[in-house]
PDB file of N, CA and C in Angstrom:
ATOM      1  N   MET A   1       0.849  -1.161   0.000  1.00  0.00           N
ATOM      2  CA  MET A   1       0.000   0.000   0.000  1.00  0.00           C
ATOM      3  C   MET A   1       0.904   1.236   0.000  1.00  0.00           C
ATOM      4  N   ARG A   2       0.508   2.297  -0.715  1.00  0.00           N
ATOM      5  CA  ARG A   2       1.295   3.527  -0.796  1.00  0.00           C
ATOM      6  C   ARG A   2       0.487   4.714  -0.296  1.00  0.00           C
ATOM      7  N   CYS A   3       1.178   5.670   0.319  1.00  0.00           N
ATOM      8  CA  CYS A   3       0.564   6.902   0.783  1.00  0.00           C
ATOM      9  C   CYS A   3       0.059   7.699  -0.414  1.00  0.00           C
ATOM     10  N   GLU A   4      -1.178   8.174  -0.355  1.00  0.00           N
ATOM     11  CA  GLU A   4      -1.749   8.938  -1.454  1.00  0.00           C
ATOM     12  C   GLU A   4      -1.106  10.318  -1.577  1.00  0.00           C
ATOM     13  N   VAL A   5      -0.512  10.829  -0.499  1.00  0.00           N
ATOM     14  CA  VAL A   5       0.086  12.165  -0.513  1.00  0.00           C
ATOM     15  C   VAL A   5       1.512  12.134  -1.051  1.00  0.00           C
ATOM     16  N   CYS A   6       2.360  11.259  -0.485  1.00  0.00           N
ATOM     17  CA  CYS A   6       3.778  11.299  -0.838  1.00  0.00           C
ATOM     18  C   CYS A   6       4.284  10.060  -1.567  1.00  0.00           C
ATOM     19  N   GLY A   7       3.485   9.020  -1.680  1.00  0.00           N
ATOM     20  CA  GLY A   7       3.908   7.815  -2.372  1.00  0.00           C
ATOM     21  C   GLY A   7       4.747   6.873  -1.529  1.00  0.00           C
ATOM     22  N   ALA A   8       4.943   7.175  -0.244  1.00  0.00           N
ATOM     23  CA  ALA A   8       5.750   6.319   0.632  1.00  0.00           C
ATOM     24  C   ALA A   8       5.054   4.984   0.855  1.00  0.00           C
ATOM     25  N   GLU A   9       5.854   3.949   1.035  1.00  0.00           N
ATOM     26  CA  GLU A   9       5.329   2.624   1.311  1.00  0.00           C
ATOM     27  C   GLU A   9       4.667   2.620   2.678  1.00  0.00           C
ATOM     28  N   LEU A  10       3.516   2.008   2.783  1.00  0.00           N
ATOM     29  CA  LEU A  10       2.791   1.917   4.042  1.00  0.00           C
ATOM     30  C   LEU A  10       2.465   0.455   4.318  1.00  0.00           C
ATOM     31  N   ALA A  11       2.361   0.121   5.576  1.00  0.00           N
ATOM     32  CA  ALA A  11       1.888  -1.207   5.959  1.00  0.00           C
ATOM     33  C   ALA A  11       0.625  -0.995   6.769  1.00  0.00           C
ATOM     34  N   ALA A  12      -0.423  -1.651   6.414  1.00  0.00           N
ATOM     35  CA  ALA A  12      -1.683  -1.452   7.123  1.00  0.00           C
ATOM     36  C   ALA A  12      -1.797  -2.457   8.254  1.00  0.00           C
ATOM     37  N   ILE A  13      -1.987  -1.963   9.455  1.00  0.00           N
ATOM     38  CA  ILE A  13      -2.237  -2.828  10.602  1.00  0.00           C
ATOM     39  C   ILE A  13      -3.709  -3.217  10.572  1.00  0.00           C
ATOM     40  N   THR A  14      -4.557  -2.246  10.351  1.00  0.00           N
ATOM     41  CA  THR A  14      -5.954  -2.480  10.039  1.00  0.00           C
ATOM     42  C   THR A  14      -6.225  -1.582   8.849  1.00  0.00           C
ATOM     43  N   THR A  15      -7.421  -1.603   8.336  1.00  0.00           N
ATOM     44  CA  THR A  15      -7.689  -0.798   7.162  1.00  0.00           C
ATOM     45  C   THR A  15      -7.589   0.695   7.432  1.00  0.00           C
ATOM     46  N   ASP A  16      -7.603   1.117   8.687  1.00  0.00           N
ATOM     47  CA  ASP A  16      -7.536   2.542   8.971  1.00  0.00           C
ATOM     48  C   ASP A  16      -6.368   2.934   9.879  1.00  0.00           C
ATOM     49  N   LEU A  17      -5.318   2.124   9.945  1.00  0.00           N
ATOM     50  CA  LEU A  17      -4.171   2.436  10.790  1.00  0.00           C
ATOM     51  C   LEU A  17      -2.863   2.180  10.042  1.00  0.00           C
ATOM     52  N   PRO A  18      -2.517   3.008   9.039  1.00  0.00           N
ATOM     53  CA  PRO A  18      -1.281   2.803   8.268  1.00  0.00           C
ATOM     54  C   PRO A  18      -0.066   3.434   8.923  1.00  0.00           C
ATOM     55  N   PHE A  19       1.121   2.875   8.626  1.00  0.00           N
ATOM     56  CA  PHE A  19       2.387   3.418   9.118  1.00  0.00           C
ATOM     57  C   PHE A  19       3.404   3.447   7.992  1.00  0.00           C
ATOM     58  N   LYS A  20       4.203   4.496   7.921  1.00  0.00           N
ATOM     59  CA  LYS A  20       5.350   4.533   7.005  1.00  0.00           C
ATOM     60  C   LYS A  20       6.404   3.600   7.582  1.00  0.00           C
ATOM     61  N   ILE A  21       7.014   2.757   6.746  1.00  0.00           N
ATOM     62  CA  ILE A  21       7.862   1.744   7.363  1.00  0.00           C
ATOM     63  C   ILE A  21       9.232   1.489   6.766  1.00  0.00           C
ATOM     64  N   ARG A  22       9.613   2.043   5.629  1.00  0.00           N
ATOM     65  CA  ARG A  22      10.881   1.527   5.106  1.00  0.00           C
ATOM     66  C   ARG A  22      11.874   2.610   4.725  1.00  0.00           C
ATOM     67  N   GLU A  23      13.137   2.241   4.785  1.00  0.00           N
ATOM     68  CA  GLU A  23      14.244   3.073   4.323  1.00  0.00           C
ATOM     69  C   GLU A  23      15.386   2.136   3.945  1.00  0.00           C
ATOM     70  N   ARG A  24      16.261   2.582   3.060  1.00  0.00           N
ATOM     71  CA  ARG A  24      17.337   1.716   2.589  1.00  0.00           C
ATOM     72  C   ARG A  24      18.681   2.229   3.074  1.00  0.00           C
ATOM     73  N   GLY A  25      19.485   1.323   3.635  1.00  0.00           N
ATOM     74  CA  GLY A  25      20.839   1.649   4.042  1.00  0.00           C
ATOM     75  C   GLY A  25      21.823   1.210   2.964  1.00  0.00           C
ATOM     76  N   ALA A  26      23.089   1.372   3.237  1.00  0.00           N
ATOM     77  CA  ALA A  26      24.123   1.020   2.254  1.00  0.00           C
ATOM     78  C   ALA A  26      24.163  -0.477   1.958  1.00  0.00           C
ATOM     79  N   THR A  27      23.944  -1.309   2.969  1.00  0.00           N
ATOM     80  CA  THR A  27      24.044  -2.760   2.763  1.00  0.00           C
ATOM     81  C   THR A  27      22.827  -3.530   3.259  1.00  0.00           C
ATOM     82  N   SER A  28      21.817  -2.839   3.729  1.00  0.00           N
ATOM     83  CA  SER A  28      20.642  -3.528   4.254  1.00  0.00           C
ATOM     84  C   SER A  28      19.427  -2.613   4.166  1.00  0.00           C
ATOM     85  N   TRP A  29      18.295  -3.157   4.522  1.00  0.00           N
ATOM     86  CA  TRP A  29      17.049  -2.397   4.575  1.00  0.00           C
ATOM     87  C   TRP A  29      16.629  -2.284   6.027  1.00  0.00           C
ATOM     88  N   GLY A  30      16.160  -1.113   6.416  1.00  0.00           N
ATOM     89  CA  GLY A  30      15.688  -0.895   7.774  1.00  0.00           C
ATOM     90  C   GLY A  30      14.274  -0.348   7.745  1.00  0.00           C
ATOM     91  N   ALA A  31      13.536  -0.622   8.778  1.00  0.00           N
ATOM     92  CA  ALA A  31      12.177  -0.112   8.891  1.00  0.00           C
ATOM     93  C   ALA A  31      11.936   0.311  10.328  1.00  0.00           C
ATOM     94  N   HIS A  32      11.167   1.374  10.488  1.00  0.00           N
ATOM     95  CA  HIS A  32      10.754   1.798  11.820  1.00  0.00           C
ATOM     96  C   HIS A  32       9.356   2.373  11.725  1.00  0.00           C
ATOM     97  N   VAL A  33       8.695   2.413  12.847  1.00  0.00           N
ATOM     98  CA  VAL A  33       7.325   2.907  12.899  1.00  0.00           C
ATOM     99  C   VAL A  33       7.321   4.107  13.838  1.00  0.00           C
ATOM    100  N   PRO A  34       7.311   5.327  13.285  1.00  0.00           N
ATOM    101  CA  PRO A  34       7.382   6.521  14.129  1.00  0.00           C
ATOM    102  C   PRO A  34       6.289   6.596  15.197  1.00  0.00           C
ATOM    103  N   ASP A  35       5.115   6.061  14.911  1.00  0.00           N
ATOM    104  CA  ASP A  35       4.014   6.122  15.867  1.00  0.00           C
ATOM    105  C   ASP A  35       4.064   5.024  16.924  1.00  0.00           C
ATOM    106  N   LEU A  36       5.018   4.106  16.807  1.00  0.00           N
ATOM    107  CA  LEU A  36       5.224   3.057  17.809  1.00  0.00           C
ATOM    108  C   LEU A  36       6.700   3.084  18.214  1.00  0.00           C
ATOM    109  N   PRO A  37       7.099   3.979  19.104  1.00  0.00           N
ATOM    110  CA  PRO A  37       8.511   4.096  19.485  1.00  0.00           C
ATOM    111  C   PRO A  37       9.121   2.749  19.874  1.00  0.00           C
ATOM    112  N   GLY A  38      10.290   2.486  19.312  1.00  0.00           N
ATOM    113  CA  GLY A  38      10.989   1.235  19.585  1.00  0.00           C
ATOM    114  C   GLY A  38      10.632   0.105  18.640  1.00  0.00           C
ATOM    115  N   CYS A  39       9.658   0.301  17.784  1.00  0.00           N
ATOM    116  CA  CYS A  39       9.248  -0.739  16.849  1.00  0.00           C
ATOM    117  C   CYS A  39      10.069  -0.581  15.571  1.00  0.00           C
ATOM    118  N   ALA A  40      10.983  -1.524  15.332  1.00  0.00           N
ATOM    119  CA  ALA A  40      11.903  -1.433  14.197  1.00  0.00           C
ATOM    120  C   ALA A  40      12.301  -2.828  13.736  1.00  0.00           C
ATOM    121  N   ALA A  41      12.843  -2.891  12.527  1.00  0.00           N
ATOM    122  CA  ALA A  41      13.327  -4.155  11.974  1.00  0.00           C
ATOM    123  C   ALA A  41      14.415  -3.862  10.949  1.00  0.00           C
ATOM    124  N   VAL A  42      15.309  -4.827  10.744  1.00  0.00           N
ATOM    125  CA  VAL A  42      16.378  -4.736   9.745  1.00  0.00           C
ATOM    126  C   VAL A  42      16.421  -6.058   8.998  1.00  0.00           C
ATOM    127  N   GLY A  43      16.583  -5.977   7.679  1.00  0.00           N
ATOM    128  CA  GLY A  43      16.667  -7.184   6.867  1.00  0.00           C
ATOM    129  C   GLY A  43      17.654  -7.004   5.731  1.00  0.00           C
ATOM    130  N   GLU A  44      18.021  -8.094   5.097  1.00  0.00           N
ATOM    131  CA  GLU A  44      18.968  -8.050   3.989  1.00  0.00           C
ATOM    132  C   GLU A  44      18.318  -7.653   2.668  1.00  0.00           C
ATOM    133  N   SER A  45      16.987  -7.718   2.594  1.00  0.00           N
ATOM    134  CA  SER A  45      16.287  -7.349   1.371  1.00  0.00           C
ATOM    135  C   SER A  45      15.023  -6.582   1.742  1.00  0.00           C
ATOM    136  N   ARG A  46      14.460  -5.912   0.747  1.00  0.00           N
ATOM    137  CA  ARG A  46      13.217  -5.176   0.956  1.00  0.00           C
ATOM    138  C   ARG A  46      12.109  -6.132   1.405  1.00  0.00           C
ATOM    139  N   GLU A  47      12.012  -7.271   0.759  1.00  0.00           N
ATOM    140  CA  GLU A  47      10.983  -8.241   1.093  1.00  0.00           C
ATOM    141  C   GLU A  47      11.127  -8.726   2.534  1.00  0.00           C
ATOM    142  N   GLU A  48      12.372  -8.993   2.939  1.00  0.00           N
ATOM    143  CA  GLU A  48      12.591  -9.476   4.302  1.00  0.00           C
ATOM    144  C   GLU A  48      12.216  -8.423   5.326  1.00  0.00           C
ATOM    145  N   VAL A  49      12.621  -7.170   5.106  1.00  0.00           N
ATOM    146  CA  VAL A  49      12.322  -6.143   6.103  1.00  0.00           C
ATOM    147  C   VAL A  49      10.822  -5.861   6.168  1.00  0.00           C
ATOM    148  N   LEU A  50      10.118  -5.951   5.046  1.00  0.00           N
ATOM    149  CA  LEU A  50       8.662  -5.767   5.087  1.00  0.00           C
ATOM    150  C   LEU A  50       7.997  -6.871   5.900  1.00  0.00           C
ATOM    151  N   ARG A  51       8.468  -8.101   5.723  1.00  0.00           N
ATOM    152  CA  ARG A  51       7.917  -9.213   6.511  1.00  0.00           C
ATOM    153  C   ARG A  51       8.213  -9.025   7.991  1.00  0.00           C
ATOM    154  N   LEU A  52       9.464  -8.657   8.304  1.00  0.00           N
ATOM    155  CA  LEU A  52       9.864  -8.499   9.696  1.00  0.00           C
ATOM    156  C   LEU A  52       9.167  -7.332  10.382  1.00  0.00           C
ATOM    157  N   ILE A  53       8.967  -6.207   9.660  1.00  0.00           N
ATOM    158  CA  ILE A  53       8.316  -5.077  10.320  1.00  0.00           C
ATOM    159  C   ILE A  53       6.837  -5.370  10.546  1.00  0.00           C
ATOM    160  N   ARG A  54       6.213  -6.105   9.656  1.00  0.00           N
ATOM    161  CA  ARG A  54       4.819  -6.500   9.910  1.00  0.00           C
ATOM    162  C   ARG A  54       4.724  -7.334  11.181  1.00  0.00           C
ATOM    163  N   GLU A  55       5.650  -8.284  11.327  1.00  0.00           N
ATOM    164  CA  GLU A  55       5.672  -9.103  12.542  1.00  0.00           C
ATOM    165  C   GLU A  55       5.940  -8.239  13.771  1.00  0.00           C
ATOM    166  N   ALA A  56       6.860  -7.281  13.646  1.00  0.00           N
ATOM    167  CA  ALA A  56       7.195  -6.405  14.773  1.00  0.00           C
ATOM    168  C   ALA A  56       6.009  -5.530  15.171  1.00  0.00           C
ATOM    169  N   ILE A  57       5.282  -5.014  14.180  1.00  0.00           N
ATOM    170  CA  ILE A  57       4.105  -4.188  14.475  1.00  0.00           C
ATOM    171  C   ILE A  57       3.051  -5.014  15.206  1.00  0.00           C
ATOM    172  N   GLU A  58       2.774  -6.217  14.706  1.00  0.00           N
ATOM    173  CA  GLU A  58       1.795  -7.083  15.364  1.00  0.00           C
ATOM    174  C   GLU A  58       2.219  -7.397  16.795  1.00  0.00           C
ATOM    175  N   PHE A  59       3.491  -7.740  16.983  1.00  0.00           N
ATOM    176  CA  PHE A  59       4.016  -8.062  18.314  1.00  0.00           C
ATOM    177  C   PHE A  59       3.908  -6.848  19.238  1.00  0.00           C
ATOM    178  N   HIS A  60       4.283  -5.674  18.736  1.00  0.00           N
ATOM    179  CA  HIS A  60       4.245  -4.439  19.518  1.00  0.00           C
ATOM    180  C   HIS A  60       2.816  -4.118  19.958  1.00  0.00           C
ATOM    181  N   ILE A  61       1.876  -4.183  19.016  1.00  0.00           N
ATOM    182  CA  ILE A  61       0.487  -3.866  19.343  1.00  0.00           C
ATOM    183  C   ILE A  61      -0.119  -4.910  20.276  1.00  0.00           C
ATOM    184  N   ASP A  62       0.193  -6.176  20.063  1.00  0.00           N
ATOM    185  CA  ASP A  62      -0.286  -7.219  20.984  1.00  0.00           C
ATOM    186  C   ASP A  62       0.208  -6.947  22.403  1.00  0.00           C
ATOM    187  N   GLY A  63       1.480  -6.563  22.528  1.00  0.00           N
ATOM    188  CA  GLY A  63       2.037  -6.251  23.843  1.00  0.00           C
ATOM    189  C   GLY A  63       1.353  -5.057  24.484  1.00  0.00           C
ATOM    190  N   MET A  64       1.068  -4.024  23.691  1.00  0.00           N
ATOM    191  CA  MET A  64       0.369  -2.854  24.221  1.00  0.00           C
ATOM    192  C   MET A  64      -1.018  -3.244  24.734  1.00  0.00           C
ATOM    193  N   LYS A  65      -1.723  -4.074  23.958  1.00  0.00           N
ATOM    194  CA  LYS A  65      -3.060  -4.506  24.370  1.00  0.00           C
ATOM    195  C   LYS A  65      -3.004  -5.345  25.642  1.00  0.00           C
ATOM    196  N   GLN A  66      -2.021  -6.249  25.725  1.00  0.00           N
ATOM    197  CA  GLN A  66      -1.876  -7.084  26.925  1.00  0.00           C
ATOM    198  C   GLN A  66      -1.573  -6.239  28.157  1.00  0.00           C
ATOM    199  N   ASP A  67      -0.858  -5.131  27.960  1.00  0.00           N
ATOM    200  CA  ASP A  67      -0.521  -4.241  29.076  1.00  0.00           C
ATOM    201  C   ASP A  67      -1.621  -3.221  29.359  1.00  0.00           C
ATOM    202  N   GLY A  68      -2.718  -3.291  28.604  1.00  0.00           N
ATOM    203  CA  GLY A  68      -3.825  -2.369  28.810  1.00  0.00           C
ATOM    204  C   GLY A  68      -3.567  -0.966  28.284  1.00  0.00           C
ATOM    205  N   LEU A  69      -2.610  -0.839  27.364  1.00  0.00           N
ATOM    206  CA  LEU A  69      -2.287   0.465  26.790  1.00  0.00           C
ATOM    207  C   LEU A  69      -3.074   0.697  25.509  1.00  0.00           C
ATOM    208  N   PRO A  70      -3.440   1.943  25.242  1.00  0.00           N
ATOM    209  CA  PRO A  70      -4.151   2.221  23.988  1.00  0.00           C
ATOM    210  C   PRO A  70      -3.207   2.169  22.794  1.00  0.00           C
ATOM    211  N   VAL A  71      -3.705   1.711  21.676  1.00  0.00           N
ATOM    212  CA  VAL A  71      -2.937   1.721  20.427  1.00  0.00           C
ATOM    213  C   VAL A  71      -3.076   3.123  19.836  1.00  0.00           C
ATOM    214  N   PRO A  72      -1.951   3.808  19.606  1.00  0.00           N
ATOM    215  CA  PRO A  72      -2.046   5.191  19.141  1.00  0.00           C
ATOM    216  C   PRO A  72      -2.562   5.295  17.713  1.00  0.00           C
ATOM    217  N   ALA A  73      -3.307   6.354  17.479  1.00  0.00           N
ATOM    218  CA  ALA A  73      -3.721   6.659  16.108  1.00  0.00           C
ATOM    219  C   ALA A  73      -2.498   7.201  15.380  1.00  0.00           C
ATOM    220  N   PRO A  74      -2.387   6.968  14.085  1.00  0.00           N
ATOM    221  CA  PRO A  74      -1.225   7.467  13.347  1.00  0.00           C
ATOM    222  C   PRO A  74      -1.182   8.995  13.345  1.00  0.00           C
ATOM    223  N   ARG A  75       0.023   9.543  13.603  1.00  0.00           N
ATOM    224  CA  ARG A  75       0.218  10.990  13.575  1.00  0.00           C
ATOM    225  C   ARG A  75       1.322  11.377  12.612  1.00  0.00           C
ATOM    226  N   SER A  76       2.083  10.405  12.135  1.00  0.00           N
ATOM    227  CA  SER A  76       3.220  10.686  11.275  1.00  0.00           C
ATOM    228  C   SER A  76       2.785  10.911   9.839  1.00  0.00           C
ATOM    229  N   ALA A  77       3.582  11.705   9.157  1.00  0.00           N
ATOM    230  CA  ALA A  77       3.379  11.945   7.731  1.00  0.00           C
ATOM    231  C   ALA A  77       4.750  12.132   7.100  1.00  0.00           C
ATOM    232  N   GLY A  78       4.857  11.904   5.831  1.00  0.00           N
ATOM    233  CA  GLY A  78       6.132  12.085   5.147  1.00  0.00           C
ATOM    234  C   GLY A  78       5.899  12.668   3.781  1.00  0.00           C
ATOM    235  N   GLU A  79       6.880  13.435   3.331  1.00  0.00           N
ATOM    236  CA  GLU A  79       6.822  14.016   1.997  1.00  0.00           C
ATOM    237  C   GLU A  79       8.220  14.084   1.431  1.00  0.00           C
ATOM    238  N   PHE A  80       8.304  14.180   0.111  1.00  0.00           N
ATOM    239  CA  PHE A  80       9.574  14.366  -0.570  1.00  0.00           C
ATOM    240  C   PHE A  80       9.588  15.763  -1.167  1.00  0.00           C
ATOM    241  N   VAL A  81      10.736  16.417  -1.108  1.00  0.00           N
ATOM    242  CA  VAL A  81      10.879  17.723  -1.739  1.00  0.00           C
ATOM    243  C   VAL A  81      12.085  17.687  -2.672  1.00  0.00           C
ATOM    244  N   GLU A  82      12.034  18.459  -3.748  1.00  0.00           N
ATOM    245  CA  GLU A  82      13.154  18.539  -4.664  1.00  0.00           C
ATOM    246  C   GLU A  82      13.998  19.748  -4.292  1.00  0.00           C
ATOM    247  N   VAL A  83      15.324  19.583  -4.332  1.00  0.00           N
ATOM    248  CA  VAL A  83      16.236  20.675  -4.041  1.00  0.00           C
ATOM    249  C   VAL A  83      17.242  20.789  -5.178  1.00  0.00           C
ATOM    250  N   GLY A  84      17.815  21.979  -5.327  1.00  0.00           N
ATOM    251  CA  GLY A  84      18.779  22.203  -6.410  1.00  0.00           C
ATOM    252  C   GLY A  84      20.169  21.677  -6.102  1.00  0.00           C
ATOM    253  N   ALA A  85      20.518  21.538  -4.838  1.00  0.00           N
ATOM    254  CA  ALA A  85      21.848  21.056  -4.461  1.00  0.00           C
ATOM    255  C   ALA A  85      21.923  19.547  -4.632  1.00  0.00           C
ATOM    256  N   ALA A  86      23.046  19.069  -5.131  1.00  0.00           N
ATOM    257  CA  ALA A  86      23.195  17.619  -5.278  1.00  0.00           C
ATOM    258  C   ALA A  86      24.518  17.174  -4.700  1.00  0.00           C
TER     259      ALA A  86
END
């Protein structure tokens, strides 16, 4: 799923709770969920990190529910801008 505003990759936890999740490093792929502090994953490929971050999000939210904590509504947003410097 992609963000309609910026085109960023999103992973849907439910149909109304999306999170921006991926970025690429020099030798690996990393993912984090800004709305779930501490929820992150690293993989050797894009496919692996997407699988791992989905598992991490589910695990994180399950833990929050077990602890009686509310699952936060998404507040993060991302955009790309073009600049003249390269």
